[in-house]
Amino acid sequence: MTRTDVRFASVSALEILDSRGNPTVQVTLGTAEGLRYVAGVPSGASTGSREAVELRDGDPARYDGRGVSRAVGHVEGEITDLLERKTWSCQAELDDALVELDGTPDKGRLGANAILGVSMAAARAFAEGLPLWESLIPRGVTPRLPVPHFNVLNGGVHAANDLEFQEFMLAPIGAPSFSEALRAGATIYHRLRAELRDRGESTGLGDEGGFAPDISSPEEILWLMVAAIRDAGYTPGRDGVAIAMDPASSEFHKDGVYTVAGEALNADQLIDRYEQIITDFPVWSLEDGLAEDDWAGWKTLTERLGGRVQLVGDDLFVTNPALIAQAVRNGIGNSALIKPNQIGTVTETLRAQAVCRHAGYSQMVSHRSGETTDTFIADLSVATGTGQIKSGAPARGERVAKYDRLLEIERSSVSLPFGL
């Protein structure tokens, strides 16, 4: 049972660095019993226009304007006054009070980075005596260990190359356990490095730990992935290791035109290309296949490909319960990416996930390109039974921290199911 009646005796925040070298917020909450709970807030590069606002200082003399001292000040000022005022009965009560204190629809006054840091740290306080994942399980949900989706090839805003499609992921759907899925991802990752080296391509890494070769063709990338899967001794496809893609198409969409490898495409033509890709390659999931403002195109995409692949909305939904509900009513997509910092509190994240469950939409819990070593999303993915998580490549400490946390959960909770 989750702890109730938590009283906070101290609240502090710190401007730390994320994995891209940019400032972000770390929050520490202390209880009356002398216990401390810490949370680090991630930061995105490829962001939806309707995400909750990440408050930055805008002072060019500090971190090129990206400092978060204002957000830190809000935690140690108004938010501290709120938290220390009373004893809190549950997470939802605290989170709703934070939203009310901010008073804006996008959390732009106090900053979603300030609010989320407090919300995540508070969730750990309410979990006292339990593993975090156990305390977060929604009523009626069966927790499970998720299939990891490893971003092994980076493009778009995550890499300094000419590849418009942003993420190409390995998804070991056919693995018998999380640990075996992790082993598959790591093994194929190293085979992929060898494939790139043999071709004379760069093996430098993008923001999320994937390789960033100077290749502009999505299809060429997919051929490389299939070769690496086979070379590692696995079967490409849903019975073995499938592929997931996140084109992040809002980033290469302008005035109704999608530009891919120098070719200008309208929505129908881009959908044609996706259809050919999923025919030729073992792609099982397509995230942000069209731009966040192209709802008509998304409707067509869903009608044409929704029966064949998972169609994940990220920029389109931004973990917002109202936007997901609108998409459900209009038959848009069939899956949602879940990023707590898009909406700003743990409670609102859980509410967005509840909308997905009730609508029959699948979910994938996700990191951000600017990460910390905080492992909150690993516990969240298990607790809410999404069956899917993406935390980047099986490389770089801030990415691997989430996967290693899932190994710990697997070992300590052997009865948990694994898989989609």
Protein backbone atom coordinates (compact mmCIF):
# COMPACT_ATOMS: atom_id res chain seq x y z
CA MET A 1 0.00 0.00 0.00
CA THR A 2 1.25 3.49 -0.87
CA ARG A 3 2.19 5.67 2.06
CA THR A 4 -0.23 8.44 3.03
CA ASP A 5 0.08 11.56 5.15
CA VAL A 6 3.51 12.79 4.08
CA ARG A 7 4.82 16.01 5.56
CA PHE A 8 7.77 17.74 3.93
CA ALA A 9 10.24 19.48 6.22
CA SER A 10 12.66 20.67 3.54
CA VAL A 11 12.58 21.42 -0.18
CA SER A 12 15.59 22.28 -2.33
CA ALA A 13 16.52 22.40 -5.99
CA LEU A 14 19.76 22.43 -7.94
CA GLU A 15 20.71 23.43 -11.47
CA ILE A 16 22.50 20.32 -12.83
CA LEU A 17 23.55 19.26 -16.34
CA ASP A 18 21.72 16.79 -18.55
CA SER A 19 23.32 14.38 -21.00
CA ARG A 20 23.56 17.04 -23.71
CA GLY A 21 25.44 19.42 -21.41
CA ASN A 22 22.44 21.69 -20.87
CA PRO A 23 21.11 22.76 -17.47
CA THR A 24 18.15 20.96 -15.95
CA VAL A 25 16.48 20.78 -12.55
CA GLN A 26 17.15 18.39 -9.69
CA VAL A 27 14.78 18.45 -6.71
CA THR A 28 15.35 17.07 -3.21
CA LEU A 29 12.49 16.69 -0.74
CA GLY A 30 13.05 15.95 2.94
CA THR A 31 10.37 14.54 5.22
CA ALA A 32 9.75 15.18 8.88
CA GLU A 33 11.35 11.79 9.61
CA GLY A 34 14.64 12.92 8.08
CA LEU A 35 14.32 10.94 4.84
CA ARG A 36 15.40 12.46 1.49
CA TYR A 37 13.99 11.89 -1.98
CA VAL A 38 15.67 13.12 -5.16
CA ALA A 39 14.50 13.48 -8.77
CA GLY A 40 16.25 14.67 -11.94
CA VAL A 41 14.17 16.18 -14.74
CA PRO A 42 14.87 15.29 -18.40
CA SER A 43 14.78 17.73 -21.31
CA GLY A 44 13.75 17.20 -24.92
CA ALA A 45 15.27 18.47 -28.19
CA SER A 46 12.54 17.26 -30.56
CA THR A 47 9.56 18.79 -28.79
CA GLY A 48 5.89 19.16 -29.62
CA SER A 49 4.51 22.68 -29.71
CA ARG A 50 1.83 21.79 -27.15
CA GLU A 51 4.15 20.39 -24.52
CA ALA A 52 4.17 21.84 -21.03
CA VAL A 53 6.66 24.71 -20.88
CA GLU A 54 10.21 23.99 -19.75
CA LEU A 55 11.17 27.25 -18.04
CA ARG A 56 14.53 28.66 -19.13
CA ASP A 57 16.20 31.85 -17.94
CA GLY A 58 16.78 33.44 -21.35
CA ASP A 59 19.98 35.12 -20.11
CA PRO A 60 22.55 34.85 -22.92
CA ALA A 61 25.37 35.39 -20.43
CA ARG A 62 24.56 32.08 -18.69
CA TYR A 63 24.48 28.79 -20.63
CA ASP A 64 23.49 30.68 -23.79
CA GLY A 65 20.13 31.47 -22.23
CA ARG A 66 19.35 27.88 -21.27
CA GLY A 67 19.91 28.21 -17.53
CA VAL A 68 17.16 27.07 -15.16
CA SER A 69 17.85 29.25 -12.14
CA ARG A 70 14.35 30.73 -12.37
CA ALA A 71 12.81 27.23 -12.18
CA VAL A 72 15.09 26.42 -9.24
CA GLY A 73 13.97 29.63 -7.56
CA HIS A 74 10.31 28.70 -7.99
CA VAL A 75 10.93 25.35 -6.29
CA GLU A 76 12.70 26.98 -3.36
CA GLY A 77 10.17 29.81 -3.17
CA GLU A 78 6.47 29.42 -3.92
CA ILE A 79 6.53 25.63 -4.19
CA THR A 80 8.34 25.25 -0.88
CA ASP A 81 5.74 27.46 0.77
CA LEU A 82 3.01 25.23 -0.65
CA LEU A 83 4.62 21.91 0.29
CA GLU A 84 5.54 22.83 3.84
CA ARG A 85 2.12 24.28 4.57
CA LYS A 86 0.34 20.97 5.28
CA THR A 87 0.45 17.21 5.43
CA TRP A 88 -0.26 15.61 2.04
CA SER A 89 -2.59 12.63 1.79
CA CYS A 90 -1.66 11.37 -1.69
CA GLN A 91 0.18 12.08 -4.92
CA ALA A 92 -2.89 13.38 -6.75
CA GLU A 93 -3.65 15.92 -4.03
CA LEU A 94 -0.11 17.29 -4.20
CA ASP A 95 0.08 17.33 -8.01
CA ASP A 96 -3.29 19.04 -8.40
CA ALA A 97 -2.18 21.68 -5.90
CA LEU A 98 1.00 22.29 -7.94
CA VAL A 99 -1.03 22.75 -11.11
CA GLU A 100 -3.37 25.16 -9.34
CA LEU A 101 -0.45 27.11 -7.90
CA ASP A 102 1.03 27.58 -11.38
CA GLY A 103 -2.32 28.71 -12.73
CA THR A 104 -1.48 28.51 -16.44
CA PRO A 105 -2.63 25.92 -19.01
CA ASP A 106 0.95 25.02 -19.97
CA LYS A 107 2.74 25.38 -16.61
CA GLY A 108 4.63 28.30 -18.08
CA ARG A 109 4.68 30.46 -14.95
CA LEU A 110 6.52 28.15 -12.54
CA GLY A 111 7.87 25.85 -15.25
CA ALA A 112 7.02 22.24 -15.96
CA ASN A 113 10.65 21.35 -15.15
CA ALA A 114 10.22 22.76 -11.64
CA ILE A 115 6.82 21.13 -11.13
CA LEU A 116 7.81 17.71 -12.47
CA GLY A 117 10.93 17.53 -10.34
CA VAL A 118 8.81 18.05 -7.24
CA SER A 119 6.15 15.61 -8.44
CA MET A 120 8.67 12.82 -9.13
CA ALA A 121 10.48 13.30 -5.83
CA ALA A 122 7.15 13.30 -4.01
CA ALA A 123 6.20 10.02 -5.71
CA ARG A 124 9.28 8.46 -4.15
CA ALA A 125 8.26 9.83 -0.76
CA PHE A 126 4.76 8.36 -1.09
CA ALA A 127 6.37 5.01 -2.05
CA GLU A 128 8.36 4.80 1.19
CA GLY A 129 8.73 1.14 2.13
CA LEU A 130 7.82 -0.10 -1.35
CA PRO A 131 9.69 -0.27 -4.66
CA LEU A 132 8.60 2.79 -6.65
CA TRP A 133 6.93 0.66 -9.34
CA GLU A 134 4.73 -1.08 -6.80
CA SER A 135 3.48 2.21 -5.40
CA LEU A 136 2.57 3.54 -8.86
CA ILE A 137 0.39 0.62 -10.04
CA PRO A 138 -3.03 1.99 -11.10
CA ARG A 139 -6.11 0.14 -9.92
CA GLY A 140 -6.94 -2.81 -12.16
CA VAL A 141 -3.59 -2.79 -14.00
CA THR A 142 -1.27 -5.79 -14.18
CA PRO A 143 2.35 -4.62 -14.00
CA ARG A 144 4.81 -6.09 -16.47
CA LEU A 145 8.39 -5.77 -17.63
CA PRO A 146 8.51 -3.91 -20.95
CA VAL A 147 10.10 -4.76 -24.28
CA PRO A 148 13.02 -2.33 -24.65
CA HIS A 149 13.21 -0.34 -27.88
CA PHE A 150 16.86 0.53 -28.48
CA ASN A 151 17.56 3.61 -30.59
CA VAL A 152 20.67 2.37 -32.38
CA LEU A 153 20.73 4.76 -35.37
CA ASN A 154 20.17 8.49 -34.88
CA GLY A 155 19.19 11.23 -37.29
CA GLY A 156 17.11 14.40 -37.29
CA VAL A 157 17.79 16.81 -34.43
CA HIS A 158 19.55 14.04 -32.50
CA ALA A 159 22.55 13.81 -34.83
CA ALA A 160 24.81 15.91 -37.06
CA ASN A 161 24.04 14.05 -40.28
CA ASP A 162 21.67 14.37 -43.26
CA LEU A 163 19.24 11.65 -42.16
CA GLU A 164 15.81 13.24 -41.65
CA PHE A 165 14.25 10.25 -39.88
CA GLN A 166 15.21 10.66 -36.25
CA GLU A 167 15.22 7.21 -34.63
CA PHE A 168 15.66 3.64 -35.79
CA MET A 169 15.08 1.18 -32.96
CA LEU A 170 15.64 -2.51 -32.30
CA ALA A 171 12.64 -4.15 -30.58
CA PRO A 172 13.37 -7.72 -29.34
CA ILE A 173 9.67 -8.62 -29.22
CA GLY A 174 10.36 -12.33 -29.43
CA ALA A 175 12.72 -12.45 -26.44
CA PRO A 176 11.61 -14.66 -23.54
CA SER A 177 12.60 -12.17 -20.83
CA PHE A 178 13.75 -8.62 -20.30
CA SER A 179 17.33 -9.68 -19.64
CA GLU A 180 17.42 -11.67 -22.88
CA ALA A 181 15.93 -8.72 -24.75
CA LEU A 182 18.67 -6.51 -23.33
CA ARG A 183 21.31 -9.03 -24.38
CA ALA A 184 19.89 -9.09 -27.90
CA GLY A 185 19.94 -5.31 -28.15
CA ALA A 186 23.51 -5.01 -26.90
CA THR A 187 24.76 -7.81 -29.15
CA ILE A 188 23.14 -6.37 -32.29
CA TYR A 189 24.37 -2.89 -31.37
CA HIS A 190 27.96 -4.13 -31.50
CA ARG A 191 27.36 -6.01 -34.76
CA LEU A 192 25.92 -2.81 -36.21
CA ARG A 193 29.04 -0.91 -35.19
CA ALA A 194 31.12 -3.49 -37.06
CA GLU A 195 28.87 -3.22 -40.16
CA LEU A 196 29.32 0.55 -40.20
CA ARG A 197 33.06 0.32 -39.66
CA ASP A 198 33.40 -2.19 -42.50
CA ARG A 199 31.59 0.24 -44.80
CA GLY A 200 33.86 3.10 -43.79
CA GLU A 201 31.01 4.93 -42.06
CA SER A 202 31.34 6.95 -38.88
CA THR A 203 30.57 5.17 -35.62
CA GLY A 204 30.18 8.42 -33.71
CA LEU A 205 27.10 8.66 -31.51
CA GLY A 206 24.01 10.85 -31.56
CA ASP A 207 22.29 12.34 -28.53
CA GLU A 208 20.64 9.06 -27.54
CA GLY A 209 23.64 6.78 -27.94
CA GLY A 210 22.81 5.49 -31.41
CA PHE A 211 25.26 5.65 -34.30
CA ALA A 212 25.04 8.66 -36.60
CA PRO A 213 26.47 7.68 -39.99
CA ASP A 214 26.39 10.04 -42.94
CA ILE A 215 23.54 8.17 -44.65
CA SER A 216 20.40 10.02 -45.79
CA SER A 217 18.27 7.11 -47.04
CA PRO A 218 15.95 5.52 -44.45
CA GLU A 219 15.84 2.34 -46.51
CA GLU A 220 19.63 2.03 -46.48
CA ILE A 221 19.57 2.35 -42.70
CA LEU A 222 16.94 -0.39 -42.47
CA TRP A 223 19.01 -2.75 -44.65
CA LEU A 224 21.95 -2.22 -42.30
CA MET A 225 19.77 -3.05 -39.30
CA VAL A 226 18.43 -6.24 -40.83
CA ALA A 227 21.98 -7.32 -41.67
CA ALA A 228 23.15 -6.65 -38.11
CA ILE A 229 20.20 -8.57 -36.63
CA ARG A 230 21.02 -11.60 -38.77
CA ASP A 231 24.76 -11.29 -38.17
CA ALA A 232 24.09 -11.40 -34.42
CA GLY A 233 22.20 -14.68 -34.83
CA TYR A 234 18.66 -13.32 -34.43
CA THR A 235 15.63 -13.48 -36.72
CA PRO A 236 14.33 -10.16 -38.10
CA GLY A 237 10.61 -9.83 -37.37
CA ARG A 238 8.03 -10.04 -34.62
CA ASP A 239 9.08 -13.57 -33.64
CA GLY A 240 12.62 -12.33 -33.08
CA VAL A 241 13.88 -8.76 -33.29
CA ALA A 242 11.63 -6.24 -35.00
CA ILE A 243 12.33 -2.63 -35.94
CA ALA A 244 10.59 0.53 -34.77
CA MET A 245 10.95 3.94 -36.40
CA ASP A 246 10.42 7.47 -35.19
CA PRO A 247 10.72 9.77 -38.19
CA ALA A 248 9.74 12.78 -35.99
CA SER A 249 8.19 14.18 -39.14
CA SER A 250 7.25 17.56 -37.68
CA GLU A 251 10.95 18.38 -37.96
CA PHE A 252 11.02 17.98 -41.78
CA HIS A 253 7.51 19.25 -42.54
CA LYS A 254 6.92 22.76 -43.85
CA ASP A 255 3.98 24.26 -45.75
CA GLY A 256 2.41 20.86 -46.33
CA VAL A 257 5.59 19.32 -47.74
CA TYR A 258 7.74 16.58 -46.18
CA THR A 259 11.34 16.65 -47.41
CA VAL A 260 13.13 13.29 -47.15
CA ALA A 261 16.63 12.84 -48.60
CA GLY A 262 16.04 15.80 -50.91
CA GLU A 263 12.67 14.54 -52.15
CA ALA A 264 9.56 16.66 -51.57
CA LEU A 265 6.52 14.55 -50.63
CA ASN A 266 2.94 15.31 -49.68
CA ALA A 267 1.26 13.32 -46.92
CA ASP A 268 -0.15 10.66 -49.28
CA GLN A 269 3.22 10.16 -50.93
CA LEU A 270 4.97 9.82 -47.57
CA ILE A 271 2.35 7.27 -46.48
CA ASP A 272 3.05 5.37 -49.72
CA ARG A 273 6.70 5.29 -48.76
CA TYR A 274 5.90 4.02 -45.26
CA GLU A 275 3.67 1.34 -46.74
CA GLN A 276 6.52 0.13 -48.94
CA ILE A 277 8.92 0.21 -46.00
CA ILE A 278 6.73 -1.96 -43.78
CA THR A 279 6.27 -4.35 -46.70
CA ASP A 280 10.02 -4.64 -47.29
CA PHE A 281 11.31 -4.52 -43.71
CA PRO A 282 10.25 -5.95 -40.31
CA VAL A 283 8.98 -2.59 -39.04
CA TRP A 284 6.32 -3.08 -36.38
CA SER A 285 5.96 0.44 -34.94
CA LEU A 286 5.90 3.90 -36.54
CA GLU A 287 6.04 6.97 -34.30
CA ASP A 288 5.17 10.48 -35.47
CA GLY A 289 4.84 9.32 -39.05
CA LEU A 290 3.23 12.65 -39.91
CA ALA A 291 3.49 16.14 -38.42
CA GLU A 292 1.69 17.18 -35.25
CA ASP A 293 -0.55 19.65 -37.14
CA ASP A 294 -1.38 17.27 -40.02
CA TRP A 295 -4.49 15.68 -38.49
CA ALA A 296 -6.01 14.96 -41.91
CA GLY A 297 -2.85 13.13 -42.94
CA TRP A 298 -2.85 11.21 -39.65
CA LYS A 299 -6.42 10.12 -40.32
CA THR A 300 -5.38 8.71 -43.69
CA LEU A 301 -2.26 7.11 -42.19
CA THR A 302 -4.39 5.38 -39.56
CA GLU A 303 -6.93 4.14 -42.09
CA ARG A 304 -4.24 2.75 -44.39
CA LEU A 305 -1.66 1.35 -41.98
CA GLY A 306 -3.32 1.14 -38.56
CA GLY A 307 -4.19 -2.51 -39.09
CA ARG A 308 -0.59 -3.42 -39.91
CA VAL A 309 1.62 -1.48 -37.50
CA GLN A 310 1.54 0.42 -34.25
CA LEU A 311 1.06 4.14 -34.99
CA VAL A 312 2.47 6.10 -32.06
CA GLY A 313 1.63 9.74 -31.40
CA ASP A 314 4.33 11.77 -29.66
CA ASP A 315 4.32 15.42 -30.79
CA LEU A 316 0.69 14.81 -31.70
CA PHE A 317 -0.40 13.79 -28.17
CA VAL A 318 2.32 15.19 -25.84
CA THR A 319 1.10 12.91 -23.01
CA ASN A 320 -1.96 15.12 -22.70
CA PRO A 321 -5.18 13.32 -21.67
CA ALA A 322 -7.38 15.77 -23.57
CA LEU A 323 -5.41 15.50 -26.81
CA ILE A 324 -5.32 11.71 -26.62
CA ALA A 325 -9.09 11.63 -26.02
CA GLN A 326 -9.60 13.91 -29.04
CA ALA A 327 -7.51 11.58 -31.19
CA VAL A 328 -9.48 8.56 -29.99
CA ARG A 329 -12.77 10.26 -30.95
CA ASN A 330 -11.40 11.01 -34.42
CA GLY A 331 -9.75 7.65 -35.08
CA ILE A 332 -6.21 9.06 -35.11
CA GLY A 333 -3.33 6.68 -34.35
CA ASN A 334 -3.54 3.63 -32.12
CA SER A 335 -0.77 4.22 -29.60
CA ALA A 336 0.73 7.01 -27.45
CA LEU A 337 4.23 7.84 -26.35
CA ILE A 338 4.37 8.62 -22.63
CA LYS A 339 6.82 11.28 -21.42
CA PRO A 340 6.10 12.78 -17.99
CA ASN A 341 7.87 16.04 -18.75
CA GLN A 342 5.52 16.71 -21.68
CA ILE A 343 2.61 17.14 -19.27
CA GLY A 344 4.40 18.08 -16.05
CA THR A 345 3.17 15.88 -13.17
CA VAL A 346 3.10 12.19 -12.32
CA THR A 347 -0.67 12.29 -11.78
CA GLU A 348 -1.40 13.81 -15.19
CA THR A 349 0.88 11.22 -16.77
CA LEU A 350 -1.11 8.43 -15.13
CA ARG A 351 -4.34 10.06 -16.30
CA ALA A 352 -3.08 10.15 -19.89
CA GLN A 353 -2.22 6.47 -19.62
CA ALA A 354 -5.70 5.71 -18.29
CA VAL A 355 -7.24 7.34 -21.37
CA CYS A 356 -5.09 5.06 -23.55
CA ARG A 357 -6.11 1.93 -21.66
CA HIS A 358 -9.81 2.72 -21.82
CA ALA A 359 -9.55 3.39 -25.57
CA GLY A 360 -7.51 0.28 -26.31
CA TYR A 361 -4.49 2.35 -27.40
CA SER A 362 -1.07 0.85 -26.69
CA GLN A 363 1.60 2.89 -24.91
CA MET A 364 5.36 3.28 -24.93
CA VAL A 365 7.09 5.00 -22.02
CA SER A 366 9.96 7.19 -23.20
CA HIS A 367 13.07 9.07 -22.13
CA ARG A 368 14.16 12.42 -23.64
CA SER A 369 17.27 13.30 -25.62
CA GLY A 370 18.58 15.34 -22.69
CA GLU A 371 18.56 12.81 -19.85
CA THR A 372 19.80 12.39 -16.30
CA THR A 373 20.61 9.14 -14.54
CA ASP A 374 17.18 9.23 -12.86
CA THR A 375 15.40 5.91 -13.48
CA PHE A 376 11.82 7.00 -12.75
CA ILE A 377 10.50 5.99 -16.18
CA ALA A 378 11.72 2.41 -15.75
CA ASP A 379 9.51 1.98 -12.68
CA LEU A 380 6.67 3.82 -14.41
CA SER A 381 6.76 1.47 -17.39
CA VAL A 382 6.55 -1.60 -15.14
CA ALA A 383 3.84 -0.18 -12.87
CA THR A 384 1.51 0.81 -15.70
CA GLY A 385 1.97 -2.40 -17.70
CA THR A 386 2.69 -0.61 -20.97
CA GLY A 387 4.88 -3.44 -22.23
CA GLN A 388 7.15 -1.00 -24.06
CA ILE A 389 9.92 1.44 -23.15
CA LYS A 390 12.50 3.36 -25.11
CA SER A 391 15.54 4.81 -23.39
CA GLY A 392 18.02 5.09 -26.24
CA ALA A 393 20.83 2.78 -27.24
CA PRO A 394 22.29 0.12 -24.95
CA ALA A 395 25.15 2.58 -24.37
CA ARG A 396 25.85 5.79 -22.37
CA GLY A 397 25.21 5.89 -18.66
CA GLU A 398 22.04 7.96 -18.67
CA ARG A 399 20.41 5.52 -21.13
CA VAL A 400 21.71 2.29 -19.61
CA ALA A 401 20.63 3.40 -16.11
CA LYS A 402 16.99 2.79 -17.07
CA TYR A 403 17.71 -0.62 -18.57
CA ASP A 404 19.81 -1.62 -15.57
CA ARG A 405 16.98 -0.59 -13.25
CA LEU A 406 14.67 -2.91 -15.17
CA LEU A 407 17.19 -5.73 -14.67
CA GLU A 408 17.01 -5.07 -10.93
CA ILE A 409 13.22 -5.18 -10.99
CA GLU A 410 13.27 -8.40 -13.03
CA ARG A 411 15.62 -10.07 -10.56
CA SER A 412 13.70 -8.96 -7.46
CA SER A 413 10.23 -9.69 -8.87
CA VAL A 414 10.54 -12.96 -10.75
CA SER A 415 6.77 -13.40 -11.12
CA LEU A 416 6.34 -10.27 -13.25
CA PRO A 417 5.28 -11.03 -16.84
CA PHE A 418 7.37 -9.69 -19.72
CA GLY A 419 6.34 -8.50 -23.14
CA LEU A 420 3.82 -6.46 -25.07
